[in-house]
C-alpha atoms as a PDB file:
ATOM      1  CA  ALA A   1     100.177 -22.581   3.012  1.00  0.00           C
ATOM      2  CA  LYS A   2      99.862 -26.272   3.890  1.00  0.00           C
ATOM      3  CA  SER A   3      96.565 -25.722   5.723  1.00  0.00           C
ATOM      4  CA  SER A   4      95.176 -23.734   2.776  1.00  0.00           C
ATOM      5  CA  TYR A   5      96.125 -26.540   0.372  1.00  0.00           C
ATOM      6  CA  SER A   6      94.444 -29.108   2.647  1.00  0.00           C
ATOM      7  CA  LEU A   7      91.282 -27.004   2.739  1.00  0.00           C
ATOM      8  CA  PHE A   8      91.314 -26.799  -1.063  1.00  0.00           C
ATOM      9  CA  LEU A   9      91.603 -30.590  -1.362  1.00  0.00           C
ATOM     10  CA  TRP A  10      88.767 -31.078   1.151  1.00  0.00           C
ATOM     11  CA  ILE A  11      86.474 -28.791  -0.858  1.00  0.00           C
ATOM     12  CA  LEU A  12      87.454 -30.455  -4.142  1.00  0.00           C
ATOM     13  CA  VAL A  13      86.780 -33.955  -2.797  1.00  0.00           C
ATOM     14  CA  GLY A  14      83.421 -32.813  -1.456  1.00  0.00           C
ATOM     15  CA  LEU A  15      82.410 -31.390  -4.819  1.00  0.00           C
ATOM     16  CA  LEU A  16      83.457 -34.559  -6.662  1.00  0.00           C
ATOM     17  CA  GLU A  17      81.486 -36.754  -4.270  1.00  0.00           C
ATOM     18  CA  ALA A  18      78.420 -34.542  -4.566  1.00  0.00           C
ATOM     19  CA  SER A  19      78.676 -34.562  -8.353  1.00  0.00           C
ATOM     20  CA  SER A  20      79.044 -38.339  -8.581  1.00  0.00           C
ATOM     21  CA  SER A  21      76.048 -38.886  -6.335  1.00  0.00           C
ATOM     22  CA  GLY A  22      73.872 -36.343  -8.088  1.00  0.00           C
ATOM     23  CA  GLY A  23      74.038 -33.992  -5.119  1.00  0.00           C
ATOM     24  CA  VAL A  24      74.935 -30.931  -7.149  1.00  0.00           C
ATOM     25  CA  PHE A  25      71.979 -31.419  -9.463  1.00  0.00           C
ATOM     26  CA  ALA A  26      69.704 -32.397  -6.605  1.00  0.00           C
ATOM     27  CA  LEU A  27      70.451 -29.068  -4.946  1.00  0.00           C
ATOM     28  CA  SER A  28      69.212 -27.093  -7.922  1.00  0.00           C
ATOM     29  CA  SER A  29      65.974 -29.077  -8.016  1.00  0.00           C
ATOM     30  CA  SER A  30      65.298 -28.822  -4.287  1.00  0.00           C
ATOM     31  CA  PHE A  31      63.298 -25.602  -4.693  1.00  0.00           C
ATOM     32  CA  ASP A  32      59.540 -25.862  -4.693  1.00  0.00           C
ATOM     33  CA  GLU A  33      58.556 -24.908  -8.229  1.00  0.00           C
ATOM     34  CA  SER A  34      54.945 -24.411  -7.136  1.00  0.00           C
ATOM     35  CA  VAL A  35      55.878 -21.359  -5.051  1.00  0.00           C
ATOM     36  CA  GLN A  36      54.849 -18.118  -6.753  1.00  0.00           C
ATOM     37  CA  LEU A  37      55.871 -14.549  -6.042  1.00  0.00           C
ATOM     38  CA  GLN A  38      53.275 -12.243  -4.555  1.00  0.00           C
ATOM     39  CA  PRO A  39      53.267  -8.444  -4.126  1.00  0.00           C
ATOM     40  CA  THR A  40      53.960  -6.980  -0.691  1.00  0.00           C
ATOM     41  CA  PRO A  41      53.708  -3.434   0.683  1.00  0.00           C
ATOM     42  CA  ASP A  42      56.577  -4.112   3.088  1.00  0.00           C
ATOM     43  CA  PRO A  43      60.131  -3.178   2.060  1.00  0.00           C
ATOM     44  CA  PRO A  44      63.021  -5.448   3.075  1.00  0.00           C
ATOM     45  CA  LEU A  45      64.487  -4.892   6.536  1.00  0.00           C
ATOM     46  CA  LEU A  46      68.021  -3.660   6.068  1.00  0.00           C
ATOM     47  CA  ASP A  47      70.755  -3.788   8.677  1.00  0.00           C
ATOM     48  CA  VAL A  48      72.642  -0.561   7.970  1.00  0.00           C
ATOM     49  CA  PRO A  49      74.988   1.724   9.929  1.00  0.00           C
ATOM     50  CA  THR A  50      73.474   4.634  11.835  1.00  0.00           C
ATOM     51  CA  TYR A  51      74.847   8.134  11.392  1.00  0.00           C
ATOM     52  CA  SER A  52      74.231  11.603  12.745  1.00  0.00           C
ATOM     53  CA  LEU A  53      74.734  14.686  10.600  1.00  0.00           C
ATOM     54  CA  ALA A  54      76.026  17.741  12.451  1.00  0.00           C
ATOM     55  CA  THR A  55      75.117  21.010  10.741  1.00  0.00           C
ATOM     56  CA  ARG A  56      75.488  24.661  11.706  1.00  0.00           C
ATOM     57  CA  ASP A  57      73.168  27.654  11.495  1.00  0.00           C
ATOM     58  CA  LYS A  58      75.254  30.273   9.706  1.00  0.00           C
ATOM     59  CA  LYS A  59      73.208  33.071  11.328  1.00  0.00           C
ATOM     60  CA  ASN A  60      73.888  32.263  14.983  1.00  0.00           C
ATOM     61  CA  GLY A  61      76.433  29.432  14.791  1.00  0.00           C
ATOM     62  CA  GLN A  62      74.124  26.944  16.517  1.00  0.00           C
ATOM     63  CA  THR A  63      74.919  23.283  15.888  1.00  0.00           C
ATOM     64  CA  GLY A  64      72.119  20.853  15.184  1.00  0.00           C
ATOM     65  CA  MET A  65      72.122  17.092  14.754  1.00  0.00           C
ATOM     66  CA  ASN A  66      69.792  14.416  13.475  1.00  0.00           C
ATOM     67  CA  ILE A  67      69.800  10.678  12.789  1.00  0.00           C
ATOM     68  CA  LEU A  68      70.599   9.351   9.306  1.00  0.00           C
ATOM     69  CA  THR A  69      70.352   5.822   7.946  1.00  0.00           C
ATOM     70  CA  TYR A  70      69.942   6.702   4.264  1.00  0.00           C
ATOM     71  CA  VAL A  71      73.686   6.998   3.690  1.00  0.00           C
ATOM     72  CA  SER A  72      75.896   5.301   1.117  1.00  0.00           C
ATOM     73  CA  PRO A  73      79.325   5.824  -0.456  1.00  0.00           C
ATOM     74  CA  ILE A  74      79.007   5.742  -4.240  1.00  0.00           C
ATOM     75  CA  SER A  75      82.418   6.757  -5.627  1.00  0.00           C
ATOM     76  CA  VAL A  76      86.072   6.697  -4.588  1.00  0.00           C
ATOM     77  CA  ARG A  77      88.051   8.449  -7.337  1.00  0.00           C
ATOM     78  CA  PRO A  78      88.848  11.131  -8.198  1.00  0.00           C
ATOM     79  CA  ASP A  79      86.835  12.250  -5.141  1.00  0.00           C
ATOM     80  CA  ARG A  80      85.041  10.307  -2.451  1.00  0.00           C
ATOM     81  CA  ILE A  81      81.345  10.925  -3.057  1.00  0.00           C
ATOM     82  CA  TRP A  82      78.658   9.901  -0.589  1.00  0.00           C
ATOM     83  CA  ALA A  83      74.893  10.051  -1.010  1.00  0.00           C
ATOM     84  CA  LEU A  84      72.749  11.278   1.887  1.00  0.00           C
ATOM     85  CA  GLY A  85      68.963  11.110   2.122  1.00  0.00           C
ATOM     86  CA  LEU A  86      67.704  14.138   4.083  1.00  0.00           C
ATOM     87  CA  TYR A  87      64.148  14.419   5.365  1.00  0.00           C
ATOM     88  CA  LYS A  88      62.745  17.644   3.945  1.00  0.00           C
ATOM     89  CA  GLU A  89      60.950  18.824   7.084  1.00  0.00           C
ATOM     90  CA  SER A  90      64.014  18.605   9.328  1.00  0.00           C
ATOM     91  CA  TRP A  91      66.094  21.470  10.690  1.00  0.00           C
ATOM     92  CA  THR A  92      69.159  19.596   9.482  1.00  0.00           C
ATOM     93  CA  HIS A  93      67.878  19.688   5.897  1.00  0.00           C
ATOM     94  CA  GLU A  94      67.232  23.413   6.167  1.00  0.00           C
ATOM     95  CA  GLN A  95      70.705  24.219   7.465  1.00  0.00           C
ATOM     96  CA  PHE A  96      72.578  21.884   5.148  1.00  0.00           C
ATOM     97  CA  ALA A  97      70.735  23.306   2.154  1.00  0.00           C
ATOM     98  CA  SER A  98      71.863  26.764   3.321  1.00  0.00           C
ATOM     99  CA  THR A  99      75.519  26.102   4.155  1.00  0.00           C
ATOM    100  CA  GLY A 100      76.328  22.975   2.142  1.00  0.00           C
ATOM    101  CA  GLU A 101      78.715  21.894   4.909  1.00  0.00           C
ATOM    102  CA  ALA A 102      78.389  19.289   7.654  1.00  0.00           C
ATOM    103  CA  VAL A 103      80.138  16.583   9.638  1.00  0.00           C
ATOM    104  CA  LEU A 104      78.841  13.060   9.124  1.00  0.00           C
ATOM    105  CA  GLN A 105      79.293  10.973  12.277  1.00  0.00           C
ATOM    106  CA  LEU A 106      79.274   7.169  12.269  1.00  0.00           C
ATOM    107  CA  LEU A 107      77.664   6.235  15.572  1.00  0.00           C
ATOM    108  CA  ALA A 108      78.732   3.453  17.927  1.00  0.00           C
ATOM    109  CA  PRO A 109      76.542   1.190  20.129  1.00  0.00           C
ATOM    110  CA  HIS A 110      76.962   3.509  23.123  1.00  0.00           C
ATOM    111  CA  HIS A 111      75.166   6.243  21.163  1.00  0.00           C
ATOM    112  CA  ALA A 112      71.941   4.200  21.057  1.00  0.00           C
ATOM    113  CA  LYS A 113      70.503   6.202  23.963  1.00  0.00           C
ATOM    114  CA  LEU A 114      70.681   9.349  21.815  1.00  0.00           C
ATOM    115  CA  VAL A 115      68.561   8.088  18.932  1.00  0.00           C
ATOM    116  CA  ARG A 116      65.253   9.266  20.386  1.00  0.00           C
ATOM    117  CA  VAL A 117      66.659  12.715  21.152  1.00  0.00           C
ATOM    118  CA  LEU A 118      68.449  13.241  17.848  1.00  0.00           C
ATOM    119  CA  GLY A 119      65.959  11.479  15.596  1.00  0.00           C
ATOM    120  CA  GLY A 120      62.655  11.851  17.420  1.00  0.00           C
ATOM    121  CA  SER A 121      62.634  15.595  18.020  1.00  0.00           C
ATOM    122  CA  SER A 122      63.396  18.829  16.190  1.00  0.00           C
ATOM    123  CA  THR A 123      66.112  21.366  16.977  1.00  0.00           C
ATOM    124  CA  ARG A 124      63.436  24.000  16.433  1.00  0.00           C
ATOM    125  CA  GLU A 125      61.647  22.783  19.580  1.00  0.00           C
ATOM    126  CA  VAL A 126      64.232  20.940  21.681  1.00  0.00           C
ATOM    127  CA  ASN A 127      67.723  21.857  22.842  1.00  0.00           C
ATOM    128  CA  LYS A 128      69.412  18.655  21.731  1.00  0.00           C
ATOM    129  CA  GLN A 129      72.769  19.712  23.101  1.00  0.00           C
ATOM    130  CA  GLU A 130      71.348  19.947  26.634  1.00  0.00           C
ATOM    131  CA  LYS A 131      69.479  16.651  26.249  1.00  0.00           C
ATOM    132  CA  CYS A 132      72.631  14.856  25.115  1.00  0.00           C
ATOM    133  CA  ALA A 133      74.565  16.320  28.033  1.00  0.00           C
ATOM    134  CA  GLU A 134      71.918  14.977  30.407  1.00  0.00           C
ATOM    135  CA  LEU A 135      72.598  11.542  28.894  1.00  0.00           C
ATOM    136  CA  ASP A 136      76.350  11.909  29.570  1.00  0.00           C
ATOM    137  CA  MET A 137      77.119  12.680  25.931  1.00  0.00           C
ATOM    138  CA  PRO A 138      78.201  16.350  25.951  1.00  0.00           C
ATOM    139  CA  TRP A 139      78.997  17.743  22.533  1.00  0.00           C
ATOM    140  CA  ILE A 140      82.624  18.606  21.784  1.00  0.00           C
ATOM    141  CA  PRO A 141      84.222  21.077  19.364  1.00  0.00           C
ATOM    142  CA  PHE A 142      85.150  19.715  15.964  1.00  0.00           C
ATOM    143  CA  SER A 143      88.626  20.918  15.107  1.00  0.00           C
ATOM    144  CA  GLU A 144      90.792  19.725  12.233  1.00  0.00           C
ATOM    145  CA  ASP A 145      93.976  21.290  13.594  1.00  0.00           C
ATOM    146  CA  GLY A 146      93.425  20.705  17.311  1.00  0.00           C
ATOM    147  CA  ASP A 147      92.523  24.365  17.953  1.00  0.00           C
ATOM    148  CA  GLU A 148      89.135  24.228  19.665  1.00  0.00           C
ATOM    149  CA  GLU A 149      88.744  28.007  19.546  1.00  0.00           C
ATOM    150  CA  SER A 150      88.701  27.877  15.744  1.00  0.00           C
ATOM    151  CA  SER A 151      85.958  25.250  15.714  1.00  0.00           C
ATOM    152  CA  SER A 152      82.692  26.377  14.178  1.00  0.00           C
ATOM    153  CA  ILE A 153      80.688  23.203  14.737  1.00  0.00           C
ATOM    154  CA  GLN A 154      80.257  20.636  17.485  1.00  0.00           C
ATOM    155  CA  VAL A 155      80.070  16.853  17.298  1.00  0.00           C
ATOM    156  CA  LEU A 156      79.335  13.845  19.480  1.00  0.00           C
ATOM    157  CA  PRO A 157      82.164  12.239  21.454  1.00  0.00           C
ATOM    158  CA  GLY A 158      83.283   8.696  20.758  1.00  0.00           C
ATOM    159  CA  CYS A 159      82.033   8.221  17.205  1.00  0.00           C
ATOM    160  CA  VAL A 160      83.631   5.525  15.081  1.00  0.00           C
ATOM    161  CA  HIS A 161      84.427   7.924  12.245  1.00  0.00           C
ATOM    162  CA  TYR A 162      83.937  11.578  11.380  1.00  0.00           C
ATOM    163  CA  LEU A 163      83.619  12.732   7.766  1.00  0.00           C
ATOM    164  CA  LYS A 164      83.615  16.386   6.813  1.00  0.00           C
ATOM    165  CA  VAL A 165      81.364  16.655   3.785  1.00  0.00           C
ATOM    166  CA  ARG A 166      80.393  19.359   1.313  1.00  0.00           C
ATOM    167  CA  LEU A 167      77.347  19.428  -0.955  1.00  0.00           C
ATOM    168  CA  VAL A 168      78.093  18.903  -4.641  1.00  0.00           C
ATOM    169  CA  GLY A 169      75.549  20.487  -6.973  1.00  0.00           C
ATOM    170  CA  ASP A 170      71.917  20.902  -5.978  1.00  0.00           C
ATOM    171  CA  LEU A 171      69.702  18.757  -3.780  1.00  0.00           C
ATOM    172  CA  ILE A 172      67.691  16.233  -5.770  1.00  0.00           C
ATOM    173  CA  ASP A 173      63.973  16.032  -5.009  1.00  0.00           C
ATOM    174  CA  CYS A 174      63.020  12.453  -4.111  1.00  0.00           C
ATOM    175  CA  GLY A 175      59.655  13.026  -2.468  1.00  0.00           C
ATOM    176  CA  SER A 176      59.727  12.958   1.329  1.00  0.00           C
ATOM    177  CA  HIS A 177      63.526  13.231   1.214  1.00  0.00           C
ATOM    178  CA  ASP A 178      66.083  15.100  -0.822  1.00  0.00           C
ATOM    179  CA  LEU A 179      69.183  13.372  -2.128  1.00  0.00           C
ATOM    180  CA  ALA A 180      72.406  15.190  -1.309  1.00  0.00           C
ATOM    181  CA  MET A 181      75.515  14.249  -3.273  1.00  0.00           C
ATOM    182  CA  CYS A 182      78.455  15.079  -1.030  1.00  0.00           C
ATOM    183  CA  LYS A 183      82.205  15.233  -1.452  1.00  0.00           C
ATOM    184  CA  VAL A 184      84.180  13.903   1.507  1.00  0.00           C
ATOM    185  CA  GLU A 185      86.744  16.618   2.164  1.00  0.00           C
ATOM    186  CA  SER A 186      88.484  15.024   5.138  1.00  0.00           C
ATOM    187  CA  MET A 187      88.100  12.089   7.521  1.00  0.00           C
ATOM    188  CA  PHE A 188      88.944  11.688  11.206  1.00  0.00           C
ATOM    189  CA  VAL A 189      88.955   9.066  13.927  1.00  0.00           C
ATOM    190  CA  PRO A 190      88.986   9.901  17.656  1.00  0.00           C
ATOM    191  CA  THR A 191      92.232   9.856  19.581  1.00  0.00           C
ATOM    192  CA  THR A 192      92.895  10.461  23.239  1.00  0.00           C
ATOM    193  CA  THR A 193      95.468  12.970  24.449  1.00  0.00           C
ATOM    194  CA  ARG A 194      96.555  13.364  28.052  1.00  0.00           C
ATOM    195  CA  ASP A 195      98.904  15.548  30.016  1.00  0.00           C
ATOM    196  CA  ASP A 196     101.779  13.912  31.903  1.00  0.00           C
ATOM    197  CA  ASP A 197     100.650  15.572  35.120  1.00  0.00           C
ATOM    198  CA  ASP A 198      97.272  13.872  34.812  1.00  0.00           C
ATOM    199  CA  ASP A 199      98.550  10.320  34.345  1.00  0.00           C
ATOM    200  CA  ASP A 200      97.995   9.392  37.985  1.00  0.00           C
ATOM    201  CA  GLU A 201      94.470  10.749  37.913  1.00  0.00           C
ATOM    202  CA  ASP A 202      93.365   9.080  34.682  1.00  0.00           C
ATOM    203  CA  ASP A 203      92.776   5.702  36.278  1.00  0.00           C
ATOM    204  CA  ASN A 204      90.154   7.191  38.568  1.00  0.00           C
ATOM    205  CA  ASN A 205      88.829   9.996  36.405  1.00  0.00           C
ATOM    206  CA  ASN A 206      87.985   9.299  32.788  1.00  0.00           C
ATOM    207  CA  THR A 207      87.099  12.947  32.216  1.00  0.00           C
ATOM    208  CA  ALA A 208      90.798  13.793  32.461  1.00  0.00           C
ATOM    209  CA  ASN A 209      91.194  12.403  28.944  1.00  0.00           C
ATOM    210  CA  LYS A 210      90.475  14.880  26.188  1.00  0.00           C
ATOM    211  CA  GLN A 211      89.238  13.797  22.795  1.00  0.00           C
ATOM    212  CA  ALA A 212      91.020  15.363  19.851  1.00  0.00           C
ATOM    213  CA  LEU A 213      89.708  15.048  16.312  1.00  0.00           C
END
């Protein structure tokens, strides 16, 4: 509390000195009034989180994934609502429009090597699951109750957060993308479970640890 009070006094003294010397007013007049705004075709560069949306083909159960950056939470109560921008030509768009269910995965830095596979190719032409496995990122079953056999969709290992989402209403046409308003039904973070018999092996074999969602 004492340090906070000292910081407050330091800021107050600084403001009083600036005001008495004209510094506060000088700051507002330091902008070049001759500068004019000009149009630009370039949008601002935004530093936003990167996600992957895991969807499932309800005909054959195949999981597909893409890369998403057009993602934003827009409401908290009474339900958590998130907005997703889905590229119309993608397999992910097609499947999500059909099932209305998916798992939104917040990626971590170690997933950077997957961006080209998940975002630069189509599930219609490339087996993304095999490609991710080749990059040491094998897909794992997504299970809310820990029963992998009941899992109907797969996800990436080691994501920061997993959100199970469901489409609310219809997709909204926004040109190249459709806007999907989604209700967050449940949220998960990765945990590591291990058997007592494997404790001695874990130090030398990271694959002994099993990720449970």
